[in-house]
PDB file of N, CA and C in Angstrom:
ATOM      1  N   MET A   1      -6.723  12.712  12.092  1.00  0.00           N
ATOM      2  CA  MET A   1      -7.731  13.366  12.245  1.00  0.00           C
ATOM      3  C   MET A   1      -8.113  14.356  11.848  1.00  0.00           C
ATOM      4  N   PHE A   2      -7.497  14.484  10.046  1.00  0.00           N
ATOM      5  CA  PHE A   2      -7.937  14.557   9.037  1.00  0.00           C
ATOM      6  C   PHE A   2      -9.266  13.773   8.085  1.00  0.00           C
ATOM      7  N   LEU A   3      -8.639  12.207   8.272  1.00  0.00           N
ATOM      8  CA  LEU A   3     -10.065  10.988   7.795  1.00  0.00           C
ATOM      9  C   LEU A   3     -10.550  11.448   8.837  1.00  0.00           C
ATOM     10  N   GLU A   4     -10.693  11.493  10.261  1.00  0.00           N
ATOM     11  CA  GLU A   4     -11.266  11.157  10.999  1.00  0.00           C
ATOM     12  C   GLU A   4     -12.536  11.965  10.785  1.00  0.00           C
ATOM     13  N   SER A   5     -12.241  13.194  10.535  1.00  0.00           N
ATOM     14  CA  SER A   5     -12.985  14.404  10.423  1.00  0.00           C
ATOM     15  C   SER A   5     -13.806  14.375   9.471  1.00  0.00           C
ATOM     16  N   ARG A   6     -14.106  13.307   8.747  1.00  0.00           N
ATOM     17  CA  ARG A   6     -14.256  12.940   7.196  1.00  0.00           C
ATOM     18  C   ARG A   6     -14.905  11.537   7.108  1.00  0.00           C
ATOM     19  N   GLY A   7     -15.564  11.434   8.328  1.00  0.00           N
ATOM     20  CA  GLY A   7     -15.901   9.620   8.883  1.00  0.00           C
ATOM     21  C   GLY A   7     -15.156   8.590   8.553  1.00  0.00           C
ATOM     22  N   TYR A   8     -13.682   9.000   8.436  1.00  0.00           N
ATOM     23  CA  TYR A   8     -13.267   7.292   8.515  1.00  0.00           C
ATOM     24  C   TYR A   8     -12.686   7.167  10.218  1.00  0.00           C
ATOM     25  N   GLN A   9     -12.966   5.601   9.980  1.00  0.00           N
ATOM     26  CA  GLN A   9     -12.384   5.074  11.186  1.00  0.00           C
ATOM     27  C   GLN A   9     -10.736   4.730  11.134  1.00  0.00           C
ATOM     28  N   VAL A  10     -10.270   5.040  11.976  1.00  0.00           N
ATOM     29  CA  VAL A  10      -7.950   5.614  11.772  1.00  0.00           C
ATOM     30  C   VAL A  10      -7.830   4.148  12.841  1.00  0.00           C
ATOM     31  N   ASP A  11      -7.089   3.886  12.941  1.00  0.00           N
ATOM     32  CA  ASP A  11      -6.131   2.596  13.678  1.00  0.00           C
ATOM     33  C   ASP A  11      -4.456   3.645  13.287  1.00  0.00           C
ATOM     34  N   VAL A  12      -3.842   4.295  14.689  1.00  0.00           N
ATOM     35  CA  VAL A  12      -2.787   4.347  13.902  1.00  0.00           C
ATOM     36  C   VAL A  12      -1.490   3.096  14.624  1.00  0.00           C
ATOM     37  N   ALA A  13      -0.580   3.173  13.987  1.00  0.00           N
ATOM     38  CA  ALA A  13       0.561   2.275  14.533  1.00  0.00           C
ATOM     39  C   ALA A  13       2.007   3.342  14.203  1.00  0.00           C
ATOM     40  N   VAL A  14       3.095   3.515  14.976  1.00  0.00           N
ATOM     41  CA  VAL A  14       3.991   3.752  15.574  1.00  0.00           C
ATOM     42  C   VAL A  14       5.259   3.198  14.721  1.00  0.00           C
ATOM     43  N   ASP A  15       4.810   2.473  14.213  1.00  0.00           N
ATOM     44  CA  ASP A  15       5.952   1.466  13.072  1.00  0.00           C
ATOM     45  C   ASP A  15       5.682   0.106  12.272  1.00  0.00           C
ATOM     46  N   GLY A  16       6.671  -0.263  11.289  1.00  0.00           N
ATOM     47  CA  GLY A  16       6.077  -0.548  10.504  1.00  0.00           C
ATOM     48  C   GLY A  16       5.909  -2.292  11.597  1.00  0.00           C
ATOM     49  N   GLU A  17       6.583  -2.588  12.105  1.00  0.00           N
ATOM     50  CA  GLU A  17       6.438  -4.202  13.123  1.00  0.00           C
ATOM     51  C   GLU A  17       5.046  -4.164  13.996  1.00  0.00           C
ATOM     52  N   GLN A  18       4.352  -2.416  13.761  1.00  0.00           N
ATOM     53  CA  GLN A  18       3.468  -2.663  15.212  1.00  0.00           C
ATOM     54  C   GLN A  18       2.219  -2.680  14.127  1.00  0.00           C
ATOM     55  N   ALA A  19       2.352  -2.534  12.778  1.00  0.00           N
ATOM     56  CA  ALA A  19       0.999  -2.347  11.498  1.00  0.00           C
ATOM     57  C   ALA A  19       0.957  -3.403  10.969  1.00  0.00           C
ATOM     58  N   LEU A  20       2.142  -4.225  11.312  1.00  0.00           N
ATOM     59  CA  LEU A  20       2.078  -6.007  11.469  1.00  0.00           C
ATOM     60  C   LEU A  20       1.219  -6.734  11.990  1.00  0.00           C
ATOM     61  N   THR A  21       1.581  -6.714  13.149  1.00  0.00           N
ATOM     62  CA  THR A  21       0.783  -7.337  14.565  1.00  0.00           C
ATOM     63  C   THR A  21      -0.724  -6.699  14.221  1.00  0.00           C
ATOM     64  N   ALA A  22      -1.045  -5.409  14.121  1.00  0.00           N
ATOM     65  CA  ALA A  22      -2.582  -4.777  14.371  1.00  0.00           C
ATOM     66  C   ALA A  22      -3.545  -5.634  12.829  1.00  0.00           C
ATOM     67  N   LEU A  23      -2.449  -5.704  11.855  1.00  0.00           N
ATOM     68  CA  LEU A  23      -3.107  -6.007  10.806  1.00  0.00           C
ATOM     69  C   LEU A  23      -3.662  -7.501  10.355  1.00  0.00           C
ATOM     70  N   SER A  24      -2.474  -8.574  11.221  1.00  0.00           N
ATOM     71  CA  SER A  24      -2.810  -9.611  11.709  1.00  0.00           C
ATOM     72  C   SER A  24      -4.179 -10.160  12.870  1.00  0.00           C
ATOM     73  N   GLU A  25      -4.793  -8.890  13.705  1.00  0.00           N
ATOM     74  CA  GLU A  25      -5.441  -9.686  14.736  1.00  0.00           C
ATOM     75  C   GLU A  25      -6.841  -8.622  14.141  1.00  0.00           C
ATOM     76  N   LYS A  26      -6.715  -7.648  13.152  1.00  0.00           N
ATOM     77  CA  LYS A  26      -8.195  -7.061  13.006  1.00  0.00           C
ATOM     78  C   LYS A  26      -7.927  -6.756  11.492  1.00  0.00           C
ATOM     79  N   GLU A  27      -9.036  -7.538  10.655  1.00  0.00           N
ATOM     80  CA  GLU A  27      -9.482  -6.723   9.144  1.00  0.00           C
ATOM     81  C   GLU A  27      -9.537  -5.210   9.073  1.00  0.00           C
ATOM     82  N   TYR A  28      -9.228  -4.949   8.081  1.00  0.00           N
ATOM     83  CA  TYR A  28      -9.316  -3.219   7.438  1.00  0.00           C
ATOM     84  C   TYR A  28      -9.201  -3.404   6.124  1.00  0.00           C
ATOM     85  N   GLY A  29      -9.551  -1.748   6.231  1.00  0.00           N
ATOM     86  CA  GLY A  29     -10.228  -2.004   4.318  1.00  0.00           C
ATOM     87  C   GLY A  29      -9.610  -0.893   3.724  1.00  0.00           C
ATOM     88  N   LEU A  30      -8.102  -0.109   4.475  1.00  0.00           N
ATOM     89  CA  LEU A  30      -7.339   0.407   3.662  1.00  0.00           C
ATOM     90  C   LEU A  30      -5.935   0.332   4.331  1.00  0.00           C
ATOM     91  N   LEU A  31      -5.196   0.804   3.956  1.00  0.00           N
ATOM     92  CA  LEU A  31      -3.356   0.541   4.508  1.00  0.00           C
ATOM     93  C   LEU A  31      -2.813   1.901   3.923  1.00  0.00           C
ATOM     94  N   ILE A  32      -3.054   3.042   5.035  1.00  0.00           N
ATOM     95  CA  ILE A  32      -1.579   4.263   4.801  1.00  0.00           C
ATOM     96  C   ILE A  32      -0.611   3.846   5.214  1.00  0.00           C
ATOM     97  N   THR A  33       0.259   3.819   4.264  1.00  0.00           N
ATOM     98  CA  THR A  33       1.417   3.432   5.225  1.00  0.00           C
ATOM     99  C   THR A  33       2.693   4.753   4.549  1.00  0.00           C
ATOM    100  N   ASP A  34       3.682   5.260   5.261  1.00  0.00           N
ATOM    101  CA  ASP A  34       5.363   6.163   4.503  1.00  0.00           C
ATOM    102  C   ASP A  34       5.645   4.626   4.495  1.00  0.00           C
ATOM    103  N   HIS A  35       6.826   5.546   3.700  1.00  0.00           N
ATOM    104  CA  HIS A  35       7.525   4.459   3.202  1.00  0.00           C
ATOM    105  C   HIS A  35       8.840   4.181   4.211  1.00  0.00           C
ATOM    106  N   LEU A  36       9.354   5.373   4.879  1.00  0.00           N
ATOM    107  CA  LEU A  36      10.265   5.647   5.887  1.00  0.00           C
ATOM    108  C   LEU A  36       9.991   5.180   6.925  1.00  0.00           C
ATOM    109  N   MET A  37      10.192   4.072   7.923  1.00  0.00           N
ATOM    110  CA  MET A  37       9.043   4.041   8.794  1.00  0.00           C
ATOM    111  C   MET A  37      10.302   3.120   9.423  1.00  0.00           C
ATOM    112  N   PRO A  38      10.132   3.650  11.073  1.00  0.00           N
ATOM    113  CA  PRO A  38      11.483   2.624  12.259  1.00  0.00           C
ATOM    114  C   PRO A  38      11.460   0.870  12.077  1.00  0.00           C
ATOM    115  N   ASN A  39      11.890   0.314  12.033  1.00  0.00           N
ATOM    116  CA  ASN A  39      12.152  -1.527  11.830  1.00  0.00           C
ATOM    117  C   ASN A  39      11.924  -1.680  10.694  1.00  0.00           C
ATOM    118  N   VAL A  40      10.643  -1.481  10.084  1.00  0.00           N
ATOM    119  CA  VAL A  40      10.097  -2.016   8.788  1.00  0.00           C
ATOM    120  C   VAL A  40       9.535  -1.227   7.671  1.00  0.00           C
ATOM    121  N   SER A  41       9.954  -1.081   6.697  1.00  0.00           N
ATOM    122  CA  SER A  41       9.971   0.354   6.166  1.00  0.00           C
ATOM    123  C   SER A  41       8.162  -0.165   4.998  1.00  0.00           C
ATOM    124  N   GLY A  42       7.718   0.869   4.567  1.00  0.00           N
ATOM    125  CA  GLY A  42       6.536   1.022   4.227  1.00  0.00           C
ATOM    126  C   GLY A  42       6.070  -0.598   2.933  1.00  0.00           C
ATOM    127  N   VAL A  43       7.331  -0.279   2.094  1.00  0.00           N
ATOM    128  CA  VAL A  43       7.048  -0.456   1.190  1.00  0.00           C
ATOM    129  C   VAL A  43       7.780  -2.682   1.452  1.00  0.00           C
ATOM    130  N   ASP A  44       8.394  -2.650   2.416  1.00  0.00           N
ATOM    131  CA  ASP A  44       8.718  -3.550   3.181  1.00  0.00           C
ATOM    132  C   ASP A  44       7.088  -4.743   4.134  1.00  0.00           C
ATOM    133  N   LEU A  45       6.400  -4.188   4.253  1.00  0.00           N
ATOM    134  CA  LEU A  45       5.101  -3.649   5.433  1.00  0.00           C
ATOM    135  C   LEU A  45       4.382  -4.687   4.395  1.00  0.00           C
ATOM    136  N   VAL A  46       3.987  -3.987   3.027  1.00  0.00           N
ATOM    137  CA  VAL A  46       3.215  -4.200   2.264  1.00  0.00           C
ATOM    138  C   VAL A  46       4.149  -6.017   1.745  1.00  0.00           C
ATOM    139  N   ARG A  47       5.660  -5.805   1.247  1.00  0.00           N
ATOM    140  CA  ARG A  47       5.517  -7.101   0.628  1.00  0.00           C
ATOM    141  C   ARG A  47       5.204  -8.263   1.564  1.00  0.00           C
ATOM    142  N   GLN A  48       5.501  -8.233   2.865  1.00  0.00           N
ATOM    143  CA  GLN A  48       5.090  -9.149   3.986  1.00  0.00           C
ATOM    144  C   GLN A  48       3.421  -9.375   3.916  1.00  0.00           C
ATOM    145  N   LEU A  49       2.665  -8.334   3.779  1.00  0.00           N
ATOM    146  CA  LEU A  49       1.401  -8.504   4.135  1.00  0.00           C
ATOM    147  C   LEU A  49       1.398  -9.571   1.918  1.00  0.00           C
ATOM    148  N   ARG A  50       1.445  -9.002   1.191  1.00  0.00           N
ATOM    149  CA  ARG A  50       0.969  -9.901   0.192  1.00  0.00           C
ATOM    150  C   ARG A  50       1.775 -11.084   0.686  1.00  0.00           C
ATOM    151  N   ALA A  51       2.811 -11.400   0.772  1.00  0.00           N
ATOM    152  CA  ALA A  51       3.615 -12.702   0.785  1.00  0.00           C
ATOM    153  C   ALA A  51       2.596 -13.782   1.517  1.00  0.00           C
ATOM    154  N   ASN A  52       1.713 -13.122   2.542  1.00  0.00           N
ATOM    155  CA  ASN A  52       1.261 -13.744   3.440  1.00  0.00           C
ATOM    156  C   ASN A  52      -0.600 -13.618   2.683  1.00  0.00           C
ATOM    157  N   GLY A  53      -0.615 -12.922   1.347  1.00  0.00           N
ATOM    158  CA  GLY A  53      -1.779 -13.507   0.646  1.00  0.00           C
ATOM    159  C   GLY A  53      -3.276 -12.119   1.451  1.00  0.00           C
ATOM    160  N   ASN A  54      -2.670 -11.134   1.880  1.00  0.00           N
ATOM    161  CA  ASN A  54      -3.239 -10.305   1.891  1.00  0.00           C
ATOM    162  C   ASN A  54      -3.420  -9.167   1.241  1.00  0.00           C
ATOM    163  N   GLN A  55      -4.663  -8.846   0.485  1.00  0.00           N
ATOM    164  CA  GLN A  55      -4.375  -8.087  -0.368  1.00  0.00           C
ATOM    165  C   GLN A  55      -5.217  -7.002  -0.060  1.00  0.00           C
ATOM    166  N   ILE A  56      -5.393  -6.080   1.267  1.00  0.00           N
ATOM    167  CA  ILE A  56      -5.792  -5.049   1.526  1.00  0.00           C
ATOM    168  C   ILE A  56      -5.230  -4.055   0.499  1.00  0.00           C
ATOM    169  N   PRO A  57      -6.051  -3.245   0.219  1.00  0.00           N
ATOM    170  CA  PRO A  57      -5.195  -2.076  -0.990  1.00  0.00           C
ATOM    171  C   PRO A  57      -4.687  -0.939  -0.220  1.00  0.00           C
ATOM    172  N   SER A  58      -3.704  -0.145  -0.596  1.00  0.00           N
ATOM    173  CA  SER A  58      -3.042   0.243   0.405  1.00  0.00           C
ATOM    174  C   SER A  58      -2.236   1.515  -0.955  1.00  0.00           C
ATOM    175  N   ILE A  59      -1.764   2.249   0.439  1.00  0.00           N
ATOM    176  CA  ILE A  59      -1.076   3.962  -0.229  1.00  0.00           C
ATOM    177  C   ILE A  59       0.226   4.053   0.243  1.00  0.00           C
ATOM    178  N   LEU A  60       0.902   4.003  -0.281  1.00  0.00           N
ATOM    179  CA  LEU A  60       2.468   4.143   0.016  1.00  0.00           C
ATOM    180  C   LEU A  60       2.528   5.773  -0.190  1.00  0.00           C
ATOM    181  N   ILE A  61       2.896   6.677   1.007  1.00  0.00           N
ATOM    182  CA  ILE A  61       3.060   8.205   0.994  1.00  0.00           C
ATOM    183  C   ILE A  61       4.782   8.275   1.243  1.00  0.00           C
ATOM    184  N   SER A  62       5.813   8.950  -0.108  1.00  0.00           N
ATOM    185  CA  SER A  62       6.555   9.323   0.608  1.00  0.00           C
ATOM    186  C   SER A  62       7.166  10.372  -0.284  1.00  0.00           C
ATOM    187  N   GLY A  63       8.146  11.473   0.647  1.00  0.00           N
ATOM    188  CA  GLY A  63       8.883  12.533   0.030  1.00  0.00           C
ATOM    189  C   GLY A  63       9.802  12.061  -0.869  1.00  0.00           C
ATOM    190  N   ASP A  64      10.577  10.606  -0.598  1.00  0.00           N
ATOM    191  CA  ASP A  64      11.753  10.215  -0.580  1.00  0.00           C
ATOM    192  C   ASP A  64      11.117   8.595  -1.190  1.00  0.00           C
ATOM    193  N   MET A  65      10.813   8.907  -3.114  1.00  0.00           N
ATOM    194  CA  MET A  65       9.704   6.974  -3.060  1.00  0.00           C
ATOM    195  C   MET A  65      10.723   6.638  -3.465  1.00  0.00           C
ATOM    196  N   PRO A  66      10.560   5.053  -3.502  1.00  0.00           N
ATOM    197  CA  PRO A  66      11.885   4.509  -3.426  1.00  0.00           C
ATOM    198  C   PRO A  66      11.773   4.005  -4.992  1.00  0.00           C
ATOM    199  N   GLU A  67      12.576   4.932  -6.033  1.00  0.00           N
ATOM    200  CA  GLU A  67      12.612   4.529  -7.303  1.00  0.00           C
ATOM    201  C   GLU A  67      13.060   3.015  -7.748  1.00  0.00           C
ATOM    202  N   HIS A  68      14.227   2.861  -6.921  1.00  0.00           N
ATOM    203  CA  HIS A  68      14.885   1.586  -7.066  1.00  0.00           C
ATOM    204  C   HIS A  68      14.124   0.261  -6.577  1.00  0.00           C
ATOM    205  N   GLU A  69      12.874   0.243  -6.433  1.00  0.00           N
ATOM    206  CA  GLU A  69      12.251  -0.524  -6.458  1.00  0.00           C
ATOM    207  C   GLU A  69      11.006  -0.355  -8.054  1.00  0.00           C
ATOM    208  N   PHE A  70      11.660  -1.704  -8.412  1.00  0.00           N
ATOM    209  CA  PHE A  70      10.500  -2.012  -9.783  1.00  0.00           C
ATOM    210  C   PHE A  70       9.526  -2.450  -9.601  1.00  0.00           C
ATOM    211  N   ASP A  71       9.018  -2.627  -8.813  1.00  0.00           N
ATOM    212  CA  ASP A  71       7.897  -3.334  -9.168  1.00  0.00           C
ATOM    213  C   ASP A  71       6.873  -3.045  -7.754  1.00  0.00           C
ATOM    214  N   LEU A  72       6.681  -1.078  -7.641  1.00  0.00           N
ATOM    215  CA  LEU A  72       5.890  -0.680  -6.650  1.00  0.00           C
ATOM    216  C   LEU A  72       4.205  -0.766  -7.525  1.00  0.00           C
ATOM    217  N   GLY A  73       4.406  -0.507  -8.280  1.00  0.00           N
ATOM    218  CA  GLY A  73       3.024  -0.354  -8.766  1.00  0.00           C
ATOM    219  C   GLY A  73       2.155  -1.291  -9.023  1.00  0.00           C
ATOM    220  N   GLN A  74       3.135  -2.439  -9.166  1.00  0.00           N
ATOM    221  CA  GLN A  74       2.171  -4.068  -8.765  1.00  0.00           C
ATOM    222  C   GLN A  74       2.424  -4.395  -7.631  1.00  0.00           C
ATOM    223  N   LEU A  75       3.165  -3.828  -6.623  1.00  0.00           N
ATOM    224  CA  LEU A  75       3.266  -4.106  -5.454  1.00  0.00           C
ATOM    225  C   LEU A  75       1.788  -3.376  -4.492  1.00  0.00           C
ATOM    226  N   PHE A  76       1.596  -2.140  -5.218  1.00  0.00           N
ATOM    227  CA  PHE A  76       0.299  -1.452  -4.335  1.00  0.00           C
ATOM    228  C   PHE A  76      -0.161  -1.613  -5.436  1.00  0.00           C
ATOM    229  N   SER A  77      -0.918  -2.783  -6.156  1.00  0.00           N
ATOM    230  CA  SER A  77      -2.181  -2.716  -6.330  1.00  0.00           C
ATOM    231  C   SER A  77      -3.077  -4.037  -5.809  1.00  0.00           C
ATOM    232  N   PRO A  78      -3.543  -3.498  -5.879  1.00  0.00           N
ATOM    233  CA  PRO A  78      -4.910  -1.969  -4.956  1.00  0.00           C
ATOM    234  C   PRO A  78      -4.027  -0.804  -4.431  1.00  0.00           C
ATOM    235  N   GLY A  79      -4.225   0.142  -4.830  1.00  0.00           N
ATOM    236  CA  GLY A  79      -3.702   1.025  -4.220  1.00  0.00           C
ATOM    237  C   GLY A  79      -2.995   2.088  -5.287  1.00  0.00           C
ATOM    238  N   ALA A  80      -2.199   2.944  -4.521  1.00  0.00           N
ATOM    239  CA  ALA A  80      -1.479   4.176  -5.509  1.00  0.00           C
ATOM    240  C   ALA A  80      -0.240   4.221  -4.340  1.00  0.00           C
ATOM    241  N   LEU A  81       0.228   5.487  -5.011  1.00  0.00           N
ATOM    242  CA  LEU A  81       1.617   5.694  -4.319  1.00  0.00           C
ATOM    243  C   LEU A  81       1.497   7.412  -4.041  1.00  0.00           C
ATOM    244  N   LEU A  82       1.759   7.728  -3.537  1.00  0.00           N
ATOM    245  CA  LEU A  82       1.425   9.136  -3.293  1.00  0.00           C
ATOM    246  C   LEU A  82       2.883  10.052  -2.677  1.00  0.00           C
ATOM    247  N   ALA A  83       2.660  10.700  -3.900  1.00  0.00           N
ATOM    248  CA  ALA A  83       4.374  11.725  -3.312  1.00  0.00           C
ATOM    249  C   ALA A  83       4.313  12.554  -2.815  1.00  0.00           C
ATOM    250  N   LYS A  84       5.234  13.201  -1.765  1.00  0.00           N
ATOM    251  CA  LYS A  84       4.597  14.517  -0.556  1.00  0.00           C
ATOM    252  C   LYS A  84       5.471  15.494  -1.557  1.00  0.00           C
ATOM    253  N   PRO A  85       5.363  16.362  -1.286  1.00  0.00           N
ATOM    254  CA  PRO A  85       4.108  17.480  -0.826  1.00  0.00           C
ATOM    255  C   PRO A  85       2.823  16.352  -2.083  1.00  0.00           C
ATOM    256  N   PHE A  86       1.463  17.371  -0.903  1.00  0.00           N
ATOM    257  CA  PHE A  86       0.432  16.687  -1.456  1.00  0.00           C
ATOM    258  C   PHE A  86      -0.581  17.566  -0.599  1.00  0.00           C
ATOM    259  N   SER A  87      -1.600  17.959  -1.121  1.00  0.00           N
ATOM    260  CA  SER A  87      -2.711  18.206  -0.727  1.00  0.00           C
ATOM    261  C   SER A  87      -3.389  17.635   0.047  1.00  0.00           C
ATOM    262  N   MET A  88      -4.037  18.310   1.126  1.00  0.00           N
ATOM    263  CA  MET A  88      -5.005  17.205   1.957  1.00  0.00           C
ATOM    264  C   MET A  88      -6.364  17.160   1.111  1.00  0.00           C
ATOM    265  N   ALA A  89      -6.910  17.646  -0.222  1.00  0.00           N
ATOM    266  CA  ALA A  89      -7.853  17.893  -1.015  1.00  0.00           C
ATOM    267  C   ALA A  89      -7.437  16.680  -2.088  1.00  0.00           C
ATOM    268  N   GLU A  90      -6.002  16.251  -2.616  1.00  0.00           N
ATOM    269  CA  GLU A  90      -4.823  15.386  -3.240  1.00  0.00           C
ATOM    270  C   GLU A  90      -5.625  14.028  -2.691  1.00  0.00           C
ATOM    271  N   PHE A  91      -4.519  14.129  -0.983  1.00  0.00           N
ATOM    272  CA  PHE A  91      -4.807  12.387  -0.334  1.00  0.00           C
ATOM    273  C   PHE A  91      -6.127  11.816  -0.517  1.00  0.00           C
ATOM    274  N   LEU A  92      -6.975  13.524  -0.054  1.00  0.00           N
ATOM    275  CA  LEU A  92      -8.708  12.150   0.042  1.00  0.00           C
ATOM    276  C   LEU A  92      -8.921  12.003  -0.871  1.00  0.00           C
ATOM    277  N   ALA A  93      -8.977  12.797  -2.456  1.00  0.00           N
ATOM    278  CA  ALA A  93      -9.423  11.820  -3.245  1.00  0.00           C
ATOM    279  C   ALA A  93      -8.981  10.631  -3.422  1.00  0.00           C
ATOM    280  N   VAL A  94      -7.723  10.789  -3.353  1.00  0.00           N
ATOM    281  CA  VAL A  94      -6.907   9.005  -3.273  1.00  0.00           C
ATOM    282  C   VAL A  94      -7.379   8.301  -2.627  1.00  0.00           C
ATOM    283  N   VAL A  95      -7.468   9.213  -1.179  1.00  0.00           N
ATOM    284  CA  VAL A  95      -9.164   7.613  -0.173  1.00  0.00           C
ATOM    285  C   VAL A  95      -9.431   7.429  -0.627  1.00  0.00           C
ATOM    286  N   GLU A  96     -10.379   8.287  -1.203  1.00  0.00           N
ATOM    287  CA  GLU A  96     -12.136   7.746  -1.609  1.00  0.00           C
ATOM    288  C   GLU A  96     -11.925   7.179  -2.931  1.00  0.00           C
ATOM    289  N   GLU A  97     -10.920   7.771  -4.178  1.00  0.00           N
ATOM    290  CA  GLU A  97     -11.029   6.887  -4.718  1.00  0.00           C
ATOM    291  C   GLU A  97     -10.593   5.346  -4.907  1.00  0.00           C
ATOM    292  N   ILE A  98      -9.925   4.982  -3.773  1.00  0.00           N
ATOM    293  CA  ILE A  98      -9.518   3.221  -3.384  1.00  0.00           C
ATOM    294  C   ILE A  98     -10.784   2.578  -2.602  1.00  0.00           C
ATOM    295  N   SER A  99     -10.663   3.826  -1.407  1.00  0.00           N
ATOM    296  CA  SER A  99     -11.898   3.014  -0.727  1.00  0.00           C
ATOM    297  C   SER A  99     -13.131   2.923  -1.834  1.00  0.00           C
ATOM    298  N   GLU A 100     -13.781   3.284  -2.613  1.00  0.00           N
ATOM    299  CA  GLU A 100     -14.512   3.468  -2.699  1.00  0.00           C
ATOM    300  C   GLU A 100     -14.621   1.928  -4.549  1.00  0.00           C
ATOM    301  N   SER A 101     -13.314   1.798  -4.958  1.00  0.00           N
ATOM    302  CA  SER A 101     -13.053   0.988  -5.844  1.00  0.00           C
ATOM    303  C   SER A 101     -13.455  -0.278  -4.921  1.00  0.00           C
ATOM    304  N   SER A 102     -12.532  -0.933  -3.867  1.00  0.00           N
ATOM    305  CA  SER A 102     -12.189  -1.388  -2.878  1.00  0.00           C
ATOM    306  C   SER A 102     -13.912  -1.834  -2.996  1.00  0.00           C
ATOM    307  N   GLN A 103     -14.545  -1.304  -2.085  1.00  0.00           N
ATOM    308  CA  GLN A 103     -16.835  -1.596  -2.180  1.00  0.00           C
ATOM    309  C   GLN A 103     -17.226  -1.938  -3.146  1.00  0.00           C
ATOM    310  N   ARG A 104     -16.519  -1.315  -4.780  1.00  0.00           N
ATOM    311  CA  ARG A 104     -17.124  -2.034  -6.003  1.00  0.00           C
ATOM    312  C   ARG A 104     -16.770  -3.417  -5.934  1.00  0.00           C
ATOM    313  N   ALA A 105     -15.850  -4.214  -6.225  1.00  0.00           N
ATOM    314  CA  ALA A 105     -15.123  -5.033  -6.057  1.00  0.00           C
ATOM    315  C   ALA A 105     -15.007  -6.255  -5.254  1.00  0.00           C
ATOM    316  N   ALA A 106     -15.481  -5.750  -3.688  1.00  0.00           N
ATOM    317  CA  ALA A 106     -16.098  -6.647  -2.811  1.00  0.00           C
ATOM    318  C   ALA A 106     -17.432  -7.498  -2.944  1.00  0.00           C
TER     319      ALA A 106
END
């Protein structure tokens, strides 16, 4: 609702599997995912997308950032890692920065 109130169109998936299905059926400009989700984690979701050639800009949100994942920065490029807790202003700034960068690159 926060992003919609700022003019963004938002779709929601309840887990990583549903997100994979949605991303295979429709083109999106940005993926925002939690790390700890049922069925497919946020990291695994983005790994699968990258393996299939999908370079959608992605933001990983987590209160327990997976430090053991050595390639997170590279995996989420283009994109960002956002550790909880964060303010809505911080969140919006990251979303806007990535959205603007993606539009300039297109």
